[in-house]
Every structure is written in structure tokens, then in C-alpha cells.
PDB file of all heavy atoms in Angstrom:
ATOM      1  N   ASN A   1      -1.410  18.559  22.418  1.00  0.00           N
ATOM      2  CA  ASN A   1      -0.135  18.725  23.117  1.00  0.00           C
ATOM      3  C   ASN A   1       0.122  17.560  24.070  1.00  0.00           C
ATOM      4  O   ASN A   1       1.196  17.464  24.656  1.00  0.00           O
ATOM      5  CB  ASN A   1      -0.062  20.067  23.852  1.00  0.00           C
ATOM      6  CG  ASN A   1      -1.079  20.211  24.969  1.00  0.00           C
ATOM      7  OD1 ASN A   1      -1.565  19.252  25.540  1.00  0.00           O
ATOM      8  ND2 ASN A   1      -1.401  21.452  25.295  1.00  0.00           N
ATOM      9  N   GLY A   2      -0.837  16.687  24.243  1.00  0.00           N
ATOM     10  CA  GLY A   2      -0.674  15.469  25.026  1.00  0.00           C
ATOM     11  C   GLY A   2      -0.902  15.611  26.520  1.00  0.00           C
ATOM     12  O   GLY A   2      -1.046  14.615  27.233  1.00  0.00           O
ATOM     13  N   ARG A   3      -0.961  16.833  27.015  1.00  0.00           N
ATOM     14  CA  ARG A   3      -1.009  17.050  28.464  1.00  0.00           C
ATOM     15  C   ARG A   3      -2.295  16.528  29.107  1.00  0.00           C
ATOM     16  O   ARG A   3      -2.278  16.086  30.253  1.00  0.00           O
ATOM     17  CB  ARG A   3      -0.793  18.520  28.774  1.00  0.00           C
ATOM     18  CG  ARG A   3       0.617  18.967  28.373  1.00  0.00           C
ATOM     19  CD  ARG A   3       0.822  20.447  28.477  1.00  0.00           C
ATOM     20  NE  ARG A   3       0.546  20.890  29.827  1.00  0.00           N
ATOM     21  CZ  ARG A   3       0.206  22.127  30.129  1.00  0.00           C
ATOM     22  NH1 ARG A   3       0.101  23.049  29.203  1.00  0.00           N
ATOM     23  NH2 ARG A   3      -0.028  22.462  31.384  1.00  0.00           N
ATOM     24  N   PHE A   4      -3.399  16.548  28.386  1.00  0.00           N
ATOM     25  CA  PHE A   4      -4.687  16.058  28.893  1.00  0.00           C
ATOM     26  C   PHE A   4      -4.589  14.571  29.258  1.00  0.00           C
ATOM     27  O   PHE A   4      -5.251  14.094  30.175  1.00  0.00           O
ATOM     28  CB  PHE A   4      -5.737  16.272  27.803  1.00  0.00           C
ATOM     29  CG  PHE A   4      -7.129  15.814  28.122  1.00  0.00           C
ATOM     30  CD1 PHE A   4      -7.934  16.523  28.995  1.00  0.00           C
ATOM     31  CD2 PHE A   4      -7.663  14.685  27.507  1.00  0.00           C
ATOM     32  CE1 PHE A   4      -9.244  16.121  29.256  1.00  0.00           C
ATOM     33  CE2 PHE A   4      -8.961  14.282  27.761  1.00  0.00           C
ATOM     34  CZ  PHE A   4      -9.751  14.998  28.639  1.00  0.00           C
ATOM     35  N   PHE A   5      -3.748  13.853  28.527  1.00  0.00           N
ATOM     36  CA  PHE A   5      -3.637  12.415  28.716  1.00  0.00           C
ATOM     37  C   PHE A   5      -2.607  12.038  29.779  1.00  0.00           C
ATOM     38  O   PHE A   5      -2.281  10.867  29.943  1.00  0.00           O
ATOM     39  CB  PHE A   5      -3.356  11.745  27.375  1.00  0.00           C
ATOM     40  CG  PHE A   5      -4.468  12.004  26.403  1.00  0.00           C
ATOM     41  CD1 PHE A   5      -4.301  12.884  25.347  1.00  0.00           C
ATOM     42  CD2 PHE A   5      -5.708  11.409  26.577  1.00  0.00           C
ATOM     43  CE1 PHE A   5      -5.338  13.149  24.470  1.00  0.00           C
ATOM     44  CE2 PHE A   5      -6.751  11.675  25.705  1.00  0.00           C
ATOM     45  CZ  PHE A   5      -6.571  12.538  24.655  1.00  0.00           C
ATOM     46  N   TYR A   6      -2.140  13.041  30.499  1.00  0.00           N
ATOM     47  CA  TYR A   6      -1.331  12.808  31.689  1.00  0.00           C
ATOM     48  C   TYR A   6      -2.133  11.931  32.653  1.00  0.00           C
ATOM     49  O   TYR A   6      -1.583  11.112  33.379  1.00  0.00           O
ATOM     50  CB  TYR A   6      -0.996  14.159  32.325  1.00  0.00           C
ATOM     51  CG  TYR A   6      -0.362  14.085  33.688  1.00  0.00           C
ATOM     52  CD1 TYR A   6       1.006  13.861  33.824  1.00  0.00           C
ATOM     53  CD2 TYR A   6      -1.121  14.253  34.842  1.00  0.00           C
ATOM     54  CE1 TYR A   6       1.595  13.794  35.081  1.00  0.00           C
ATOM     55  CE2 TYR A   6      -0.543  14.191  36.097  1.00  0.00           C
ATOM     56  CZ  TYR A   6       0.820  13.961  36.212  1.00  0.00           C
ATOM     57  OH  TYR A   6       1.400  13.897  37.456  1.00  0.00           O
ATOM     58  N   TYR A   7      -3.437  12.117  32.625  1.00  0.00           N
ATOM     59  CA  TYR A   7      -4.347  11.315  33.444  1.00  0.00           C
ATOM     60  C   TYR A   7      -4.700  10.040  32.680  1.00  0.00           C
ATOM     61  O   TYR A   7      -5.305  10.104  31.610  1.00  0.00           O
ATOM     62  CB  TYR A   7      -5.614  12.107  33.792  1.00  0.00           C
ATOM     63  CG  TYR A   7      -5.299  13.381  34.523  1.00  0.00           C
ATOM     64  CD1 TYR A   7      -5.256  14.591  33.852  1.00  0.00           C
ATOM     65  CD2 TYR A   7      -4.993  13.369  35.883  1.00  0.00           C
ATOM     66  CE1 TYR A   7      -4.935  15.770  34.521  1.00  0.00           C
ATOM     67  CE2 TYR A   7      -4.669  14.530  36.561  1.00  0.00           C
ATOM     68  CZ  TYR A   7      -4.647  15.724  35.869  1.00  0.00           C
ATOM     69  OH  TYR A   7      -4.319  16.873  36.526  1.00  0.00           O
ATOM     70  N   GLU A   8      -4.321   8.902  33.226  1.00  0.00           N
ATOM     71  CA  GLU A   8      -4.540   7.620  32.552  1.00  0.00           C
ATOM     72  C   GLU A   8      -6.001   7.410  32.175  1.00  0.00           C
ATOM     73  O   GLU A   8      -6.291   6.839  31.121  1.00  0.00           O
ATOM     74  CB  GLU A   8      -4.073   6.464  33.438  1.00  0.00           C
ATOM     75  CG  GLU A   8      -2.572   6.390  33.593  1.00  0.00           C
ATOM     76  CD  GLU A   8      -2.161   5.244  34.496  1.00  0.00           C
ATOM     77  OE1 GLU A   8      -2.706   4.132  34.342  1.00  0.00           O
ATOM     78  OE2 GLU A   8      -1.294   5.475  35.361  1.00  0.00           O
ATOM     79  N   GLU A   9      -6.912   7.858  33.019  1.00  0.00           N
ATOM     80  CA  GLU A   9      -8.340   7.676  32.745  1.00  0.00           C
ATOM     81  C   GLU A   9      -8.736   8.361  31.442  1.00  0.00           C
ATOM     82  O   GLU A   9      -9.550   7.832  30.687  1.00  0.00           O
ATOM     83  CB  GLU A   9      -9.182   8.208  33.914  1.00  0.00           C
ATOM     84  CG  GLU A   9     -10.681   8.142  33.680  1.00  0.00           C
ATOM     85  CD  GLU A   9     -11.230   6.734  33.440  1.00  0.00           C
ATOM     86  OE1 GLU A   9     -10.607   5.748  33.855  1.00  0.00           O
ATOM     87  OE2 GLU A   9     -12.303   6.634  32.828  1.00  0.00           O
ATOM     88  N   HIS A  10      -8.174   9.519  31.159  1.00  0.00           N
ATOM     89  CA  HIS A  10      -8.492  10.210  29.909  1.00  0.00           C
ATOM     90  C   HIS A  10      -8.010   9.403  28.712  1.00  0.00           C
ATOM     91  O   HIS A  10      -8.710   9.303  27.695  1.00  0.00           O
ATOM     92  CB  HIS A  10      -7.869  11.605  29.886  1.00  0.00           C
ATOM     93  CG  HIS A  10      -8.471  12.542  30.876  1.00  0.00           C
ATOM     94  ND1 HIS A  10      -7.931  13.774  31.131  1.00  0.00           N
ATOM     95  CD2 HIS A  10      -9.556  12.448  31.681  1.00  0.00           C
ATOM     96  CE1 HIS A  10      -8.652  14.400  32.036  1.00  0.00           C
ATOM     97  NE2 HIS A  10      -9.648  13.606  32.388  1.00  0.00           N
ATOM     98  N   ALA A  11      -6.830   8.829  28.816  1.00  0.00           N
ATOM     99  CA  ALA A  11      -6.303   8.006  27.720  1.00  0.00           C
ATOM    100  C   ALA A  11      -7.176   6.770  27.518  1.00  0.00           C
ATOM    101  O   ALA A  11      -7.497   6.402  26.378  1.00  0.00           O
ATOM    102  CB  ALA A  11      -4.860   7.611  28.005  1.00  0.00           C
ATOM    103  N   ARG A  12      -7.574   6.137  28.608  1.00  0.00           N
ATOM    104  CA  ARG A  12      -8.435   4.953  28.505  1.00  0.00           C
ATOM    105  C   ARG A  12      -9.794   5.309  27.896  1.00  0.00           C
ATOM    106  O   ARG A  12     -10.322   4.569  27.063  1.00  0.00           O
ATOM    107  CB  ARG A  12      -8.618   4.300  29.869  1.00  0.00           C
ATOM    108  CG  ARG A  12      -7.387   3.534  30.338  1.00  0.00           C
ATOM    109  CD  ARG A  12      -7.699   2.622  31.527  1.00  0.00           C
ATOM    110  NE  ARG A  12      -8.139   3.365  32.699  1.00  0.00           N
ATOM    111  CZ  ARG A  12      -7.326   3.806  33.660  1.00  0.00           C
ATOM    112  NH1 ARG A  12      -6.042   3.579  33.587  1.00  0.00           N
ATOM    113  NH2 ARG A  12      -7.807   4.462  34.692  1.00  0.00           N
ATOM    114  N   ARG A  13     -10.357   6.446  28.310  1.00  0.00           N
ATOM    115  CA  ARG A  13     -11.664   6.862  27.758  1.00  0.00           C
ATOM    116  C   ARG A  13     -11.562   7.170  26.274  1.00  0.00           C
ATOM    117  O   ARG A  13     -12.461   6.833  25.496  1.00  0.00           O
ATOM    118  CB  ARG A  13     -12.201   8.084  28.501  1.00  0.00           C
ATOM    119  CG  ARG A  13     -12.771   7.749  29.865  1.00  0.00           C
ATOM    120  CD  ARG A  13     -13.432   8.937  30.511  1.00  0.00           C
ATOM    121  NE  ARG A  13     -14.617   9.365  29.759  1.00  0.00           N
ATOM    122  CZ  ARG A  13     -15.208  10.542  29.907  1.00  0.00           C
ATOM    123  NH1 ARG A  13     -14.738  11.415  30.795  1.00  0.00           N
ATOM    124  NH2 ARG A  13     -16.262  10.866  29.203  1.00  0.00           N
ATOM    125  N   ALA A  14     -10.472   7.820  25.867  1.00  0.00           N
ATOM    126  CA  ALA A  14     -10.291   8.134  24.449  1.00  0.00           C
ATOM    127  C   ALA A  14     -10.164   6.853  23.629  1.00  0.00           C
ATOM    128  O   ALA A  14     -10.770   6.731  22.558  1.00  0.00           O
ATOM    129  CB  ALA A  14      -9.065   9.022  24.263  1.00  0.00           C
ATOM    130  N   ALA A  15      -9.405   5.900  24.142  1.00  0.00           N
ATOM    131  CA  ALA A  15      -9.253   4.620  23.439  1.00  0.00           C
ATOM    132  C   ALA A  15     -10.584   3.885  23.375  1.00  0.00           C
ATOM    133  O   ALA A  15     -10.954   3.341  22.325  1.00  0.00           O
ATOM    134  CB  ALA A  15      -8.198   3.767  24.135  1.00  0.00           C
ATOM    135  N   ALA A  16     -11.323   3.888  24.468  1.00  0.00           N
ATOM    136  CA  ALA A  16     -12.622   3.211  24.494  1.00  0.00           C
ATOM    137  C   ALA A  16     -13.616   3.868  23.540  1.00  0.00           C
ATOM    138  O   ALA A  16     -14.455   3.186  22.945  1.00  0.00           O
ATOM    139  CB  ALA A  16     -13.186   3.208  25.919  1.00  0.00           C
ATOM    140  N   ALA A  17     -13.499   5.179  23.363  1.00  0.00           N
ATOM    141  CA  ALA A  17     -14.380   5.891  22.431  1.00  0.00           C
ATOM    142  C   ALA A  17     -14.010   5.593  20.985  1.00  0.00           C
ATOM    143  O   ALA A  17     -14.810   5.823  20.079  1.00  0.00           O
ATOM    144  CB  ALA A  17     -14.325   7.396  22.690  1.00  0.00           C
ATOM    145  N   GLY A  18     -12.778   5.091  20.763  1.00  0.00           N
ATOM    146  CA  GLY A  18     -12.370   4.704  19.411  1.00  0.00           C
ATOM    147  C   GLY A  18     -11.236   5.520  18.816  1.00  0.00           C
ATOM    148  O   GLY A  18     -10.929   5.375  17.632  1.00  0.00           O
ATOM    149  N   LEU A  19     -10.596   6.371  19.602  1.00  0.00           N
ATOM    150  CA  LEU A  19      -9.476   7.147  19.068  1.00  0.00           C
ATOM    151  C   LEU A  19      -8.413   6.192  18.543  1.00  0.00           C
ATOM    152  O   LEU A  19      -7.972   5.293  19.249  1.00  0.00           O
ATOM    153  CB  LEU A  19      -8.875   8.053  20.148  1.00  0.00           C
ATOM    154  CG  LEU A  19      -7.707   8.933  19.710  1.00  0.00           C
ATOM    155  CD1 LEU A  19      -8.146   9.941  18.658  1.00  0.00           C
ATOM    156  CD2 LEU A  19      -7.100   9.643  20.910  1.00  0.00           C
ATOM    157  N   GLN A  20      -8.021   6.388  17.284  1.00  0.00           N
ATOM    158  CA  GLN A  20      -7.038   5.509  16.671  1.00  0.00           C
ATOM    159  C   GLN A  20      -5.614   6.031  16.801  1.00  0.00           C
ATOM    160  O   GLN A  20      -4.687   5.263  16.989  1.00  0.00           O
ATOM    161  CB  GLN A  20      -7.342   5.320  15.188  1.00  0.00           C
ATOM    162  CG  GLN A  20      -8.596   4.539  14.931  1.00  0.00           C
ATOM    163  CD  GLN A  20      -8.854   4.372  13.454  1.00  0.00           C
ATOM    164  OE1 GLN A  20      -8.523   5.225  12.641  1.00  0.00           O
ATOM    165  NE2 GLN A  20      -9.454   3.260  13.103  1.00  0.00           N
ATOM    166  N   GLU A  21      -5.455   7.335  16.648  1.00  0.00           N
ATOM    167  CA  GLU A  21      -4.108   7.883  16.626  1.00  0.00           C
ATOM    168  C   GLU A  21      -4.101   9.279  17.230  1.00  0.00           C
ATOM    169  O   GLU A  21      -5.057  10.026  17.086  1.00  0.00           O
ATOM    170  CB  GLU A  21      -3.579   7.957  15.194  1.00  0.00           C
ATOM    171  CG  GLU A  21      -2.153   8.423  15.086  1.00  0.00           C
ATOM    172  CD  GLU A  21      -1.602   8.345  13.668  1.00  0.00           C
ATOM    173  OE1 GLU A  21      -2.366   8.069  12.725  1.00  0.00           O
ATOM    174  OE2 GLU A  21      -0.395   8.556  13.514  1.00  0.00           O
ATOM    175  N   ALA A  22      -3.002   9.593  17.901  1.00  0.00           N
ATOM    176  CA  ALA A  22      -2.788  10.940  18.428  1.00  0.00           C
ATOM    177  C   ALA A  22      -1.393  11.389  18.013  1.00  0.00           C
ATOM    178  O   ALA A  22      -0.450  10.606  18.036  1.00  0.00           O
ATOM    179  CB  ALA A  22      -2.911  10.953  19.946  1.00  0.00           C
ATOM    180  N   ALA A  23      -1.279  12.643  17.624  1.00  0.00           N
ATOM    181  CA  ALA A  23       0.013  13.241  17.284  1.00  0.00           C
ATOM    182  C   ALA A  23       0.357  14.256  18.361  1.00  0.00           C
ATOM    183  O   ALA A  23      -0.439  15.145  18.661  1.00  0.00           O
ATOM    184  CB  ALA A  23      -0.053  13.907  15.921  1.00  0.00           C
ATOM    185  N   VAL A  24       1.525  14.095  18.955  1.00  0.00           N
ATOM    186  CA  VAL A  24       1.957  14.929  20.072  1.00  0.00           C
ATOM    187  C   VAL A  24       3.333  15.503  19.754  1.00  0.00           C
ATOM    188  O   VAL A  24       4.259  14.741  19.469  1.00  0.00           O
ATOM    189  CB  VAL A  24       2.032  14.107  21.376  1.00  0.00           C
ATOM    190  CG1 VAL A  24       2.519  14.962  22.535  1.00  0.00           C
ATOM    191  CG2 VAL A  24       0.682  13.466  21.697  1.00  0.00           C
ATOM    192  N   PRO A  25       3.508  16.822  19.815  1.00  0.00           N
ATOM    193  CA  PRO A  25       4.836  17.386  19.570  1.00  0.00           C
ATOM    194  C   PRO A  25       5.727  17.292  20.803  1.00  0.00           C
ATOM    195  O   PRO A  25       5.268  17.487  21.929  1.00  0.00           O
ATOM    196  CB  PRO A  25       4.542  18.849  19.233  1.00  0.00           C
ATOM    197  CG  PRO A  25       3.279  19.152  19.977  1.00  0.00           C
ATOM    198  CD  PRO A  25       2.494  17.865  20.003  1.00  0.00           C
ATOM    199  N   LEU A  26       6.986  16.972  20.582  1.00  0.00           N
ATOM    200  CA  LEU A  26       8.010  17.080  21.614  1.00  0.00           C
ATOM    201  C   LEU A  26       9.081  18.014  21.067  1.00  0.00           C
ATOM    202  O   LEU A  26       9.583  17.791  19.971  1.00  0.00           O
ATOM    203  CB  LEU A  26       8.624  15.727  21.967  1.00  0.00           C
ATOM    204  CG  LEU A  26       7.759  14.758  22.746  1.00  0.00           C
ATOM    205  CD1 LEU A  26       8.547  13.488  23.072  1.00  0.00           C
ATOM    206  CD2 LEU A  26       7.221  15.385  24.023  1.00  0.00           C
ATOM    207  N   TYR A  27       9.397  19.040  21.815  1.00  0.00           N
ATOM    208  CA  TYR A  27      10.348  20.056  21.357  1.00  0.00           C
ATOM    209  C   TYR A  27      11.749  19.827  21.899  1.00  0.00           C
ATOM    210  O   TYR A  27      12.642  20.615  21.647  1.00  0.00           O
ATOM    211  CB  TYR A  27       9.848  21.440  21.758  1.00  0.00           C
ATOM    212  CG  TYR A  27       8.505  21.742  21.163  1.00  0.00           C
ATOM    213  CD1 TYR A  27       7.363  21.750  21.949  1.00  0.00           C
ATOM    214  CD2 TYR A  27       8.363  21.985  19.801  1.00  0.00           C
ATOM    215  CE1 TYR A  27       6.114  22.008  21.405  1.00  0.00           C
ATOM    216  CE2 TYR A  27       7.120  22.242  19.241  1.00  0.00           C
ATOM    217  CZ  TYR A  27       6.008  22.250  20.057  1.00  0.00           C
ATOM    218  OH  TYR A  27       4.774  22.502  19.504  1.00  0.00           O
ATOM    219  N   GLY A  28      11.931  18.762  22.622  1.00  0.00           N
ATOM    220  CA  GLY A  28      13.233  18.408  23.161  1.00  0.00           C
ATOM    221  C   GLY A  28      13.116  17.099  23.897  1.00  0.00           C
ATOM    222  O   GLY A  28      12.019  16.658  24.238  1.00  0.00           O
TER     223      GLY A  28
END
């Protein structure tokens, strides 16, 4: 749902771990 990555550090850690792609729904 993308909310965990509201925190920049989480996004940076995921990228550093090797996450290639994330799919996030937007309902509006």
C-alpha cells in the first residue's frame, strides 16, 4: 500500500537491499 515508505529511510533501505520494483494502488 506504500505507506511504510512514507519514511525515506525505509525506501533507501529497500533500494539498498535490492528491491527493483514496487506496485502501489492509488484509488483517487
